[in-house]
Amino acid sequence: MLPATASPGAPDAPEFDLLVVGGVGVDTVVRVDRLELPPGDSTYVEPVRDHLGHTGSGVALGAHHLGLRTALLDFLGDDPQGDLARAALDRSGLHFAHLVSPYGTPRGVNLVDRTGRRFSFFDGRHPADLRLPRAFQLPYVERSRHVHLSITGVNRDLYPDLHRLGRGTSTDLHDWDGEDPHHRDYALGSDLVFLSTAGCRDRYERVMRGILAEGRATAVVATSGAEGCHLLTRADGRLHHLPAVDPGRPVVDSNGAGDAFVAGFLYAWFRGHPPLDCARAGSAAGAFACTTAGTHTGFVGAAVLDTLLNR
């Protein structure tokens, strides 16, 4: 059960624990020996596969797999990639509603090396001014306790309604450098903010503290892959480092690990656990996602996270 403190203005009996807005697409995963160009102009690789991918899908599917009542909204193209995404979401049983985008379904090409490290090429095909209509989003917001906004831009105008209705909010800034204005509305408008240190390396603490100082966040988490994660909360102002969790199995693919982290963190947060325990739950979920090849192909179960949280 979600604690009332998770979202003070939420309805007494929400239909959805979590609403995820934006971030549905298809990933083409190419497994390579190293993330560098080999000699010549071609090479053989393992079979190239297409997967339901992108950040909104990962957070929503991870939460759904953990038993949270979850809904997902976005644009999709009327194209083969859109068909793939819709079919995968239908099979999952996740509540998904979409509008057709004339620009097609967003795609990414992800290179994954033999250690599981990846580099993604995201096509960002939606124009900057494309928005999901308020009339489409708002009924879902009104039926949800908490809203997670992917940084794709289609949901950018939703924050005034979220704040007016008192909904809990979260976002993942990914590899934000702390300066790109595209991310700033999300960084300053959300209650829980996630990002990767990949975009701000040795400046991540300064970026995290800037989010707390300028925005409304109560907690900021910066993930650092195999180096673990960093947690900063408004309550104590201390920067905490948590080591990475050993998943107990070989790491083969880091695609979707950050999205799984967010889902695991929210699962614990909604149950009233303190932020450090939420970060541990996120770390466990993210580590588990790295043990299966492809994007959003493996999710940790609620029993595993409950065991971790109850220790």
C-alpha atoms as a PDB file:
ATOM      1  CA  MET A   1       0.000   0.000   0.000  1.00  0.00           C
ATOM      2  CA  LEU A   2       1.265   3.480  -0.813  1.00  0.00           C
ATOM      3  CA  PRO A   3       1.787   5.785   2.155  1.00  0.00           C
ATOM      4  CA  ALA A   4      -0.248   8.994   2.093  1.00  0.00           C
ATOM      5  CA  THR A   5       2.975  10.972   2.369  1.00  0.00           C
ATOM      6  CA  ALA A   6       4.091   9.711  -1.035  1.00  0.00           C
ATOM      7  CA  SER A   7       1.715  12.113  -2.765  1.00  0.00           C
ATOM      8  CA  PRO A   8      -0.378  14.392  -0.514  1.00  0.00           C
ATOM      9  CA  GLY A   9      -2.897  15.420  -3.161  1.00  0.00           C
ATOM     10  CA  ALA A  10      -3.457  11.980  -4.670  1.00  0.00           C
ATOM     11  CA  PRO A  11      -6.970  10.513  -4.842  1.00  0.00           C
ATOM     12  CA  ASP A  12      -8.048   8.307  -1.957  1.00  0.00           C
ATOM     13  CA  ALA A  13      -8.415   5.262  -4.223  1.00  0.00           C
ATOM     14  CA  PRO A  14      -6.260   5.819  -7.310  1.00  0.00           C
ATOM     15  CA  GLU A  15      -6.611   3.411 -10.203  1.00  0.00           C
ATOM     16  CA  PHE A  16      -2.876   3.537 -10.861  1.00  0.00           C
ATOM     17  CA  ASP A  17       0.042   3.650  -8.455  1.00  0.00           C
ATOM     18  CA  LEU A  18       2.336   4.906 -11.203  1.00  0.00           C
ATOM     19  CA  LEU A  19       1.743   6.714 -14.478  1.00  0.00           C
ATOM     20  CA  VAL A  20       4.700   6.882 -16.887  1.00  0.00           C
ATOM     21  CA  VAL A  21       4.443   9.497 -19.642  1.00  0.00           C
ATOM     22  CA  GLY A  22       6.687   9.318 -22.701  1.00  0.00           C
ATOM     23  CA  GLY A  23       9.689   7.228 -23.614  1.00  0.00           C
ATOM     24  CA  VAL A  24       8.435   4.325 -25.759  1.00  0.00           C
ATOM     25  CA  GLY A  25      10.466   3.119 -28.721  1.00  0.00           C
ATOM     26  CA  VAL A  26      12.427   0.287 -30.268  1.00  0.00           C
ATOM     27  CA  ASP A  27      16.074  -0.586 -29.661  1.00  0.00           C
ATOM     28  CA  THR A  28      18.189  -2.419 -32.209  1.00  0.00           C
ATOM     29  CA  VAL A  29      20.898  -4.168 -30.192  1.00  0.00           C
ATOM     30  CA  VAL A  30      24.219  -4.959 -31.867  1.00  0.00           C
ATOM     31  CA  ARG A  31      26.667  -7.041 -29.847  1.00  0.00           C
ATOM     32  CA  VAL A  32      30.307  -6.224 -30.607  1.00  0.00           C
ATOM     33  CA  ASP A  33      33.648  -7.269 -29.179  1.00  0.00           C
ATOM     34  CA  ARG A  34      34.689  -3.725 -28.222  1.00  0.00           C
ATOM     35  CA  LEU A  35      33.131  -0.281 -28.406  1.00  0.00           C
ATOM     36  CA  GLU A  36      35.536   0.853 -31.091  1.00  0.00           C
ATOM     37  CA  LEU A  37      35.789   0.519 -34.860  1.00  0.00           C
ATOM     38  CA  PRO A  38      37.681  -2.618 -35.959  1.00  0.00           C
ATOM     39  CA  PRO A  39      40.054  -2.571 -38.969  1.00  0.00           C
ATOM     40  CA  GLY A  40      38.463  -2.596 -42.415  1.00  0.00           C
ATOM     41  CA  ASP A  41      34.935  -1.545 -43.301  1.00  0.00           C
ATOM     42  CA  SER A  42      32.840  -4.501 -42.069  1.00  0.00           C
ATOM     43  CA  THR A  43      32.817  -7.293 -39.516  1.00  0.00           C
ATOM     44  CA  TYR A  44      30.607 -10.175 -38.410  1.00  0.00           C
ATOM     45  CA  VAL A  45      28.560  -9.782 -35.237  1.00  0.00           C
ATOM     46  CA  GLU A  46      26.053 -11.862 -33.319  1.00  0.00           C
ATOM     47  CA  PRO A  47      22.470 -11.760 -34.633  1.00  0.00           C
ATOM     48  CA  VAL A  48      21.128  -8.195 -34.564  1.00  0.00           C
ATOM     49  CA  ARG A  49      17.816  -8.040 -32.666  1.00  0.00           C
ATOM     50  CA  ASP A  50      15.044  -5.496 -32.200  1.00  0.00           C
ATOM     51  CA  HIS A  51      13.509  -5.023 -28.747  1.00  0.00           C
ATOM     52  CA  LEU A  52      10.839  -2.894 -27.164  1.00  0.00           C
ATOM     53  CA  GLY A  53      13.053  -0.236 -25.629  1.00  0.00           C
ATOM     54  CA  HIS A  54      13.597   3.289 -24.330  1.00  0.00           C
ATOM     55  CA  THR A  55      13.277   4.705 -20.885  1.00  0.00           C
ATOM     56  CA  GLY A  56       9.518   5.009 -20.355  1.00  0.00           C
ATOM     57  CA  SER A  57       8.941   1.405 -21.380  1.00  0.00           C
ATOM     58  CA  GLY A  58      11.649   0.238 -18.975  1.00  0.00           C
ATOM     59  CA  VAL A  59      10.361   2.116 -15.933  1.00  0.00           C
ATOM     60  CA  ALA A  60       6.758   1.113 -16.604  1.00  0.00           C
ATOM     61  CA  LEU A  61       7.508  -2.560 -17.275  1.00  0.00           C
ATOM     62  CA  GLY A  62       9.811  -2.775 -14.252  1.00  0.00           C
ATOM     63  CA  ALA A  63       7.143  -1.299 -11.997  1.00  0.00           C
ATOM     64  CA  HIS A  64       4.440  -3.494 -13.530  1.00  0.00           C
ATOM     65  CA  HIS A  65       6.588  -6.581 -12.947  1.00  0.00           C
ATOM     66  CA  LEU A  66       6.977  -5.557  -9.296  1.00  0.00           C
ATOM     67  CA  GLY A  67       3.208  -5.501  -8.881  1.00  0.00           C
ATOM     68  CA  LEU A  68       2.601  -1.740  -9.042  1.00  0.00           C
ATOM     69  CA  ARG A  69      -0.565  -0.750 -10.869  1.00  0.00           C
ATOM     70  CA  THR A  70       1.051   1.046 -13.776  1.00  0.00           C
ATOM     71  CA  ALA A  71      -0.061   2.912 -16.897  1.00  0.00           C
ATOM     72  CA  LEU A  72       2.071   4.135 -19.794  1.00  0.00           C
ATOM     73  CA  LEU A  73       1.260   6.921 -22.293  1.00  0.00           C
ATOM     74  CA  ASP A  74       3.092   8.056 -25.418  1.00  0.00           C
ATOM     75  CA  PHE A  75       3.122   8.583 -29.163  1.00  0.00           C
ATOM     76  CA  LEU A  76       3.884   5.670 -31.498  1.00  0.00           C
ATOM     77  CA  GLY A  77       4.252   5.604 -35.247  1.00  0.00           C
ATOM     78  CA  ASP A  78       2.033   3.660 -37.637  1.00  0.00           C
ATOM     79  CA  ASP A  79       5.014   1.618 -38.737  1.00  0.00           C
ATOM     80  CA  PRO A  80       6.632  -1.817 -38.151  1.00  0.00           C
ATOM     81  CA  GLN A  81       8.480  -0.544 -35.077  1.00  0.00           C
ATOM     82  CA  GLY A  82       5.209   0.729 -33.617  1.00  0.00           C
ATOM     83  CA  ASP A  83       3.640  -2.674 -34.279  1.00  0.00           C
ATOM     84  CA  LEU A  84       6.536  -4.351 -32.448  1.00  0.00           C
ATOM     85  CA  ALA A  85       6.196  -2.036 -29.440  1.00  0.00           C
ATOM     86  CA  ARG A  86       2.412  -2.409 -29.227  1.00  0.00           C
ATOM     87  CA  ALA A  87       2.610  -6.196 -29.466  1.00  0.00           C
ATOM     88  CA  ALA A  88       5.257  -6.398 -26.739  1.00  0.00           C
ATOM     89  CA  LEU A  89       3.265  -4.147 -24.415  1.00  0.00           C
ATOM     90  CA  ASP A  90       0.071  -6.108 -25.103  1.00  0.00           C
ATOM     91  CA  ARG A  91       1.836  -9.345 -24.152  1.00  0.00           C
ATOM     92  CA  SER A  92       3.083  -7.796 -20.910  1.00  0.00           C
ATOM     93  CA  GLY A  93      -0.409  -6.903 -19.696  1.00  0.00           C
ATOM     94  CA  LEU A  94       0.698  -3.348 -18.928  1.00  0.00           C
ATOM     95  CA  HIS A  95      -1.960  -0.659 -19.443  1.00  0.00           C
ATOM     96  CA  PHE A  96      -0.721   1.302 -22.470  1.00  0.00           C
ATOM     97  CA  ALA A  97      -2.488   4.127 -24.311  1.00  0.00           C
ATOM     98  CA  HIS A  98      -1.005   5.980 -27.260  1.00  0.00           C
ATOM     99  CA  LEU A  99      -1.612   8.460 -30.043  1.00  0.00           C
ATOM    100  CA  VAL A 100      -0.241   8.023 -33.564  1.00  0.00           C
ATOM    101  CA  SER A 101       2.786  10.164 -34.374  1.00  0.00           C
ATOM    102  CA  PRO A 102       3.251  11.242 -38.003  1.00  0.00           C
ATOM    103  CA  TYR A 103       6.998  11.158 -37.358  1.00  0.00           C
ATOM    104  CA  GLY A 104       7.118   7.434 -36.680  1.00  0.00           C
ATOM    105  CA  THR A 105       8.310   5.386 -33.730  1.00  0.00           C
ATOM    106  CA  PRO A 106      11.507   6.563 -32.003  1.00  0.00           C
ATOM    107  CA  ARG A 107      14.446   4.207 -32.450  1.00  0.00           C
ATOM    108  CA  GLY A 108      17.826   3.591 -30.926  1.00  0.00           C
ATOM    109  CA  VAL A 109      20.793   1.536 -32.059  1.00  0.00           C
ATOM    110  CA  ASN A 110      22.687   0.194 -29.059  1.00  0.00           C
ATOM    111  CA  LEU A 111      26.177  -1.259 -29.313  1.00  0.00           C
ATOM    112  CA  VAL A 112      26.959  -3.670 -26.475  1.00  0.00           C
ATOM    113  CA  ASP A 113      30.482  -4.973 -25.855  1.00  0.00           C
ATOM    114  CA  ARG A 114      31.508  -8.307 -24.348  1.00  0.00           C
ATOM    115  CA  THR A 115      31.525  -6.838 -20.802  1.00  0.00           C
ATOM    116  CA  GLY A 116      27.923  -5.633 -21.136  1.00  0.00           C
ATOM    117  CA  ARG A 117      28.836  -1.955 -21.517  1.00  0.00           C
ATOM    118  CA  ARG A 118      26.721  -0.153 -24.112  1.00  0.00           C
ATOM    119  CA  PHE A 119      26.628   2.980 -26.223  1.00  0.00           C
ATOM    120  CA  SER A 120      23.304   4.137 -27.660  1.00  0.00           C
ATOM    121  CA  PHE A 121      22.510   6.126 -30.804  1.00  0.00           C
ATOM    122  CA  PHE A 122      19.047   7.661 -30.277  1.00  0.00           C
ATOM    123  CA  ASP A 123      17.301   9.120 -33.322  1.00  0.00           C
ATOM    124  CA  GLY A 124      15.198  11.723 -31.451  1.00  0.00           C
ATOM    125  CA  ARG A 125      12.796  11.966 -34.375  1.00  0.00           C
ATOM    126  CA  HIS A 126       9.987  13.808 -32.570  1.00  0.00           C
ATOM    127  CA  PRO A 127      10.229  17.601 -33.094  1.00  0.00           C
ATOM    128  CA  ALA A 128      10.886  19.708 -30.022  1.00  0.00           C
ATOM    129  CA  ASP A 129       7.370  21.174 -29.979  1.00  0.00           C
ATOM    130  CA  LEU A 130       5.473  17.851 -30.178  1.00  0.00           C
ATOM    131  CA  ARG A 131       3.207  17.446 -27.139  1.00  0.00           C
ATOM    132  CA  LEU A 132       0.723  14.867 -25.937  1.00  0.00           C
ATOM    133  CA  PRO A 133      -2.600  16.759 -25.673  1.00  0.00           C
ATOM    134  CA  ARG A 134      -3.634  17.825 -22.184  1.00  0.00           C
ATOM    135  CA  ALA A 135      -7.051  16.224 -22.721  1.00  0.00           C
ATOM    136  CA  PHE A 136      -5.299  12.886 -23.331  1.00  0.00           C
ATOM    137  CA  GLN A 137      -2.950  13.037 -20.339  1.00  0.00           C
ATOM    138  CA  LEU A 138      -5.014  14.709 -17.637  1.00  0.00           C
ATOM    139  CA  PRO A 139      -7.621  11.957 -17.082  1.00  0.00           C
ATOM    140  CA  TYR A 140      -4.788   9.533 -16.409  1.00  0.00           C
ATOM    141  CA  VAL A 141      -3.072  11.970 -14.059  1.00  0.00           C
ATOM    142  CA  GLU A 142      -6.298  12.340 -12.097  1.00  0.00           C
ATOM    143  CA  ARG A 143      -6.483   8.537 -11.679  1.00  0.00           C
ATOM    144  CA  SER A 144      -2.848   8.115 -10.583  1.00  0.00           C
ATOM    145  CA  ARG A 145      -0.910   8.538  -7.365  1.00  0.00           C
ATOM    146  CA  HIS A 146       2.520   9.316  -8.858  1.00  0.00           C
ATOM    147  CA  VAL A 147       3.703  10.386 -12.327  1.00  0.00           C
ATOM    148  CA  HIS A 148       7.097   9.655 -13.867  1.00  0.00           C
ATOM    149  CA  LEU A 149       8.008  11.900 -16.800  1.00  0.00           C
ATOM    150  CA  SER A 150      10.499  10.721 -19.412  1.00  0.00           C
ATOM    151  CA  ILE A 151      12.628  13.537 -20.819  1.00  0.00           C
ATOM    152  CA  THR A 152      11.345  13.167 -24.393  1.00  0.00           C
ATOM    153  CA  GLY A 153       9.584  16.543 -24.353  1.00  0.00           C
ATOM    154  CA  VAL A 154       6.076  15.310 -25.233  1.00  0.00           C
ATOM    155  CA  ASN A 155       5.004  15.729 -21.589  1.00  0.00           C
ATOM    156  CA  ARG A 156       6.826  18.968 -20.765  1.00  0.00           C
ATOM    157  CA  ASP A 157       3.634  21.011 -20.325  1.00  0.00           C
ATOM    158  CA  LEU A 158       2.216  18.607 -17.732  1.00  0.00           C
ATOM    159  CA  TYR A 159       3.999  19.988 -14.659  1.00  0.00           C
ATOM    160  CA  PRO A 160       1.491  22.762 -13.789  1.00  0.00           C
ATOM    161  CA  ASP A 161      -1.318  20.206 -13.593  1.00  0.00           C
ATOM    162  CA  LEU A 162       0.826  17.790 -11.594  1.00  0.00           C
ATOM    163  CA  HIS A 163       1.733  20.447  -9.042  1.00  0.00           C
ATOM    164  CA  ARG A 164      -1.833  21.785  -8.864  1.00  0.00           C
ATOM    165  CA  LEU A 165      -3.186  18.299  -8.196  1.00  0.00           C
ATOM    166  CA  GLY A 166      -0.413  17.465  -5.731  1.00  0.00           C
ATOM    167  CA  ARG A 167       0.808  14.384  -7.541  1.00  0.00           C
ATOM    168  CA  GLY A 168       4.164  12.904  -6.700  1.00  0.00           C
ATOM    169  CA  THR A 169       6.597  13.282  -9.600  1.00  0.00           C
ATOM    170  CA  SER A 170       9.871  11.780 -10.772  1.00  0.00           C
ATOM    171  CA  THR A 171      12.132  11.927 -13.800  1.00  0.00           C
ATOM    172  CA  ASP A 172      15.359  10.445 -15.120  1.00  0.00           C
ATOM    173  CA  LEU A 173      17.735  12.998 -16.654  1.00  0.00           C
ATOM    174  CA  HIS A 174      20.091  10.278 -17.960  1.00  0.00           C
ATOM    175  CA  ASP A 175      23.486  11.743 -18.901  1.00  0.00           C
ATOM    176  CA  TRP A 176      22.598  15.392 -18.217  1.00  0.00           C
ATOM    177  CA  ASP A 177      25.611  17.673 -18.077  1.00  0.00           C
ATOM    178  CA  GLY A 178      23.872  20.040 -15.635  1.00  0.00           C
ATOM    179  CA  GLU A 179      23.544  22.742 -18.289  1.00  0.00           C
ATOM    180  CA  ASP A 180      21.504  21.544 -21.295  1.00  0.00           C
ATOM    181  CA  PRO A 181      18.228  23.524 -21.043  1.00  0.00           C
ATOM    182  CA  HIS A 182      16.154  20.648 -22.432  1.00  0.00           C
ATOM    183  CA  HIS A 183      16.498  18.793 -19.119  1.00  0.00           C
ATOM    184  CA  ARG A 184      16.101  21.751 -16.768  1.00  0.00           C
ATOM    185  CA  ASP A 185      12.292  21.791 -16.498  1.00  0.00           C
ATOM    186  CA  TYR A 186      12.372  18.122 -15.574  1.00  0.00           C
ATOM    187  CA  ALA A 187      15.227  18.556 -13.111  1.00  0.00           C
ATOM    188  CA  LEU A 188      13.572  21.429 -11.257  1.00  0.00           C
ATOM    189  CA  GLY A 189       9.944  20.316 -11.503  1.00  0.00           C
ATOM    190  CA  SER A 190      10.204  16.777 -10.094  1.00  0.00           C
ATOM    191  CA  ASP A 191      10.129  15.475  -6.517  1.00  0.00           C
ATOM    192  CA  LEU A 192      12.520  12.596  -7.222  1.00  0.00           C
ATOM    193  CA  VAL A 193      15.316  13.108  -9.732  1.00  0.00           C
ATOM    194  CA  PHE A 194      17.550  10.407 -11.213  1.00  0.00           C
ATOM    195  CA  LEU A 195      20.546  10.907 -13.472  1.00  0.00           C
ATOM    196  CA  SER A 196      23.726   9.204 -14.575  1.00  0.00           C
ATOM    197  CA  THR A 197      27.184  10.526 -13.776  1.00  0.00           C
ATOM    198  CA  ALA A 198      28.170   9.806 -17.399  1.00  0.00           C
ATOM    199  CA  GLY A 199      27.344  13.364 -18.450  1.00  0.00           C
ATOM    200  CA  CYS A 200      28.874  15.218 -15.533  1.00  0.00           C
ATOM    201  CA  ARG A 201      31.683  12.888 -14.333  1.00  0.00           C
ATOM    202  CA  ASP A 202      33.634  14.767 -11.654  1.00  0.00           C
ATOM    203  CA  ARG A 203      30.874  17.431 -11.329  1.00  0.00           C
ATOM    204  CA  TYR A 204      28.020  15.122 -10.333  1.00  0.00           C
ATOM    205  CA  GLU A 205      27.850  16.339  -6.719  1.00  0.00           C
ATOM    206  CA  ARG A 206      27.638  19.959  -7.843  1.00  0.00           C
ATOM    207  CA  VAL A 207      24.888  19.063 -10.326  1.00  0.00           C
ATOM    208  CA  MET A 208      22.971  17.129  -7.659  1.00  0.00           C
ATOM    209  CA  ARG A 209      23.196  19.964  -5.147  1.00  0.00           C
ATOM    210  CA  GLY A 210      22.106  22.438  -7.801  1.00  0.00           C
ATOM    211  CA  ILE A 211      18.957  20.393  -8.429  1.00  0.00           C
ATOM    212  CA  LEU A 212      18.114  20.469  -4.717  1.00  0.00           C
ATOM    213  CA  ALA A 213      18.909  24.167  -4.392  1.00  0.00           C
ATOM    214  CA  GLU A 214      16.937  25.345  -7.431  1.00  0.00           C
ATOM    215  CA  GLY A 215      14.129  22.812  -7.660  1.00  0.00           C
ATOM    216  CA  ARG A 216      11.539  20.984  -5.583  1.00  0.00           C
ATOM    217  CA  ALA A 217      13.263  17.588  -5.306  1.00  0.00           C
ATOM    218  CA  THR A 218      13.415  15.817  -1.958  1.00  0.00           C
ATOM    219  CA  ALA A 219      15.968  13.290  -3.238  1.00  0.00           C
ATOM    220  CA  VAL A 220      18.459  13.119  -6.112  1.00  0.00           C
ATOM    221  CA  VAL A 221      20.193   9.916  -7.199  1.00  0.00           C
ATOM    222  CA  ALA A 222      23.176   9.705  -9.556  1.00  0.00           C
ATOM    223  CA  THR A 223      24.002   6.230 -10.858  1.00  0.00           C
ATOM    224  CA  SER A 224      27.544   5.276 -11.843  1.00  0.00           C
ATOM    225  CA  GLY A 225      27.255   1.774 -13.267  1.00  0.00           C
ATOM    226  CA  ALA A 226      29.700  -0.662 -11.721  1.00  0.00           C
ATOM    227  CA  GLU A 227      30.836   2.071  -9.295  1.00  0.00           C
ATOM    228  CA  GLY A 228      27.423   2.107  -7.586  1.00  0.00           C
ATOM    229  CA  CYS A 229      25.278   5.180  -7.010  1.00  0.00           C
ATOM    230  CA  HIS A 230      25.181   8.434  -5.051  1.00  0.00           C
ATOM    231  CA  LEU A 231      22.214   9.686  -3.036  1.00  0.00           C
ATOM    232  CA  LEU A 232      21.540  13.221  -1.842  1.00  0.00           C
ATOM    233  CA  THR A 233      18.422  14.157   0.133  1.00  0.00           C
ATOM    234  CA  ARG A 234      17.049  17.478   1.230  1.00  0.00           C
ATOM    235  CA  ALA A 235      16.485  16.061   4.725  1.00  0.00           C
ATOM    236  CA  ASP A 236      20.141  15.543   5.697  1.00  0.00           C
ATOM    237  CA  GLY A 237      22.159  17.193   2.893  1.00  0.00           C
ATOM    238  CA  ARG A 238      24.842  14.478   3.004  1.00  0.00           C
ATOM    239  CA  LEU A 239      26.116  12.786  -0.130  1.00  0.00           C
ATOM    240  CA  HIS A 240      25.882   9.014   0.348  1.00  0.00           C
ATOM    241  CA  HIS A 241      27.689   6.494  -1.821  1.00  0.00           C
ATOM    242  CA  LEU A 242      26.290   2.983  -2.209  1.00  0.00           C
ATOM    243  CA  PRO A 243      28.380   0.274  -3.897  1.00  0.00           C
ATOM    244  CA  ALA A 244      26.974  -1.660  -6.808  1.00  0.00           C
ATOM    245  CA  VAL A 245      25.025  -4.829  -6.037  1.00  0.00           C
ATOM    246  CA  ASP A 246      26.433  -8.183  -7.192  1.00  0.00           C
ATOM    247  CA  PRO A 247      23.584  -9.772  -9.188  1.00  0.00           C
ATOM    248  CA  GLY A 248      24.990 -13.253  -8.580  1.00  0.00           C
ATOM    249  CA  ARG A 249      25.162 -13.940 -12.316  1.00  0.00           C
ATOM    250  CA  PRO A 250      27.381 -12.694 -15.157  1.00  0.00           C
ATOM    251  CA  VAL A 251      26.746  -9.186 -16.467  1.00  0.00           C
ATOM    252  CA  VAL A 252      25.955  -9.444 -20.177  1.00  0.00           C
ATOM    253  CA  ASP A 253      24.067  -6.274 -21.143  1.00  0.00           C
ATOM    254  CA  SER A 254      23.560  -2.953 -19.335  1.00  0.00           C
ATOM    255  CA  ASN A 255      20.659  -1.866 -21.572  1.00  0.00           C
ATOM    256  CA  GLY A 256      17.730  -0.863 -19.360  1.00  0.00           C
ATOM    257  CA  ALA A 257      19.657  -0.981 -16.083  1.00  0.00           C
ATOM    258  CA  GLY A 258      18.944   2.657 -15.252  1.00  0.00           C
ATOM    259  CA  ASP A 259      15.238   2.229 -15.939  1.00  0.00           C
ATOM    260  CA  ALA A 260      15.135  -0.869 -13.733  1.00  0.00           C
ATOM    261  CA  PHE A 261      16.913   1.135 -11.012  1.00  0.00           C
ATOM    262  CA  VAL A 262      14.167   3.765 -11.101  1.00  0.00           C
ATOM    263  CA  ALA A 263      11.434   1.116 -10.910  1.00  0.00           C
ATOM    264  CA  GLY A 264      13.112  -0.583  -7.937  1.00  0.00           C
ATOM    265  CA  PHE A 265      13.629   2.725  -6.137  1.00  0.00           C
ATOM    266  CA  LEU A 266       9.980   3.732  -6.636  1.00  0.00           C
ATOM    267  CA  TYR A 267       8.772   0.316  -5.459  1.00  0.00           C
ATOM    268  CA  ALA A 268      10.519   0.859  -2.125  1.00  0.00           C
ATOM    269  CA  TRP A 269       9.660   4.582  -1.958  1.00  0.00           C
ATOM    270  CA  PHE A 270       5.952   3.879  -2.351  1.00  0.00           C
ATOM    271  CA  ARG A 271       6.171   1.494   0.585  1.00  0.00           C
ATOM    272  CA  GLY A 272       7.569   4.153   2.868  1.00  0.00           C
ATOM    273  CA  HIS A 273      11.176   2.926   3.074  1.00  0.00           C
ATOM    274  CA  PRO A 274      13.915   5.489   3.771  1.00  0.00           C
ATOM    275  CA  PRO A 275      15.841   6.839   0.778  1.00  0.00           C
ATOM    276  CA  LEU A 276      18.961   4.751   1.416  1.00  0.00           C
ATOM    277  CA  ASP A 277      16.915   1.558   1.335  1.00  0.00           C
ATOM    278  CA  CYS A 278      15.167   2.778  -1.808  1.00  0.00           C
ATOM    279  CA  ALA A 279      18.564   3.280  -3.444  1.00  0.00           C
ATOM    280  CA  ARG A 280      19.592  -0.246  -2.402  1.00  0.00           C
ATOM    281  CA  ALA A 281      16.411  -1.629  -3.943  1.00  0.00           C
ATOM    282  CA  GLY A 282      17.116   0.330  -7.124  1.00  0.00           C
ATOM    283  CA  SER A 283      20.677  -0.965  -7.230  1.00  0.00           C
ATOM    284  CA  ALA A 284      19.472  -4.559  -6.926  1.00  0.00           C
ATOM    285  CA  ALA A 285      16.892  -4.084  -9.678  1.00  0.00           C
ATOM    286  CA  GLY A 286      19.428  -2.427 -11.965  1.00  0.00           C
ATOM    287  CA  ALA A 287      22.004  -5.159 -11.381  1.00  0.00           C
ATOM    288  CA  PHE A 288      19.477  -7.878 -12.183  1.00  0.00           C
ATOM    289  CA  ALA A 289      18.601  -6.180 -15.483  1.00  0.00           C
ATOM    290  CA  CYS A 290      22.252  -6.498 -16.555  1.00  0.00           C
ATOM    291  CA  THR A 291      22.119 -10.307 -16.449  1.00  0.00           C
ATOM    292  CA  THR A 292      19.913 -10.732 -19.551  1.00  0.00           C
ATOM    293  CA  ALA A 293      20.713  -9.784 -23.134  1.00  0.00           C
ATOM    294  CA  GLY A 294      18.596  -7.114 -24.808  1.00  0.00           C
ATOM    295  CA  THR A 295      16.559  -4.176 -23.568  1.00  0.00           C
ATOM    296  CA  HIS A 296      13.826  -4.750 -20.940  1.00  0.00           C
ATOM    297  CA  THR A 297      14.084  -8.544 -21.191  1.00  0.00           C
ATOM    298  CA  GLY A 298      14.552  -9.333 -17.489  1.00  0.00           C
ATOM    299  CA  PHE A 299      13.132  -7.764 -14.330  1.00  0.00           C
ATOM    300  CA  VAL A 300      13.739  -8.480 -10.665  1.00  0.00           C
ATOM    301  CA  GLY A 301      10.756  -9.835  -8.746  1.00  0.00           C
ATOM    302  CA  ALA A 302       9.061  -8.249  -5.757  1.00  0.00           C
ATOM    303  CA  ALA A 303      10.069 -11.169  -3.504  1.00  0.00           C
ATOM    304  CA  VAL A 304      13.768 -10.440  -4.065  1.00  0.00           C
ATOM    305  CA  LEU A 305      13.385  -6.746  -3.261  1.00  0.00           C
ATOM    306  CA  ASP A 306      11.173  -7.472  -0.246  1.00  0.00           C
ATOM    307  CA  THR A 307      13.848  -9.796   1.140  1.00  0.00           C
ATOM    308  CA  LEU A 308      16.482  -7.092   0.669  1.00  0.00           C
ATOM    309  CA  LEU A 309      14.299  -4.402   2.259  1.00  0.00           C
ATOM    310  CA  ASN A 310      13.333  -6.555   5.225  1.00  0.00           C
ATOM    311  CA  ARG A 311      16.905  -7.388   6.232  1.00  0.00           C
END
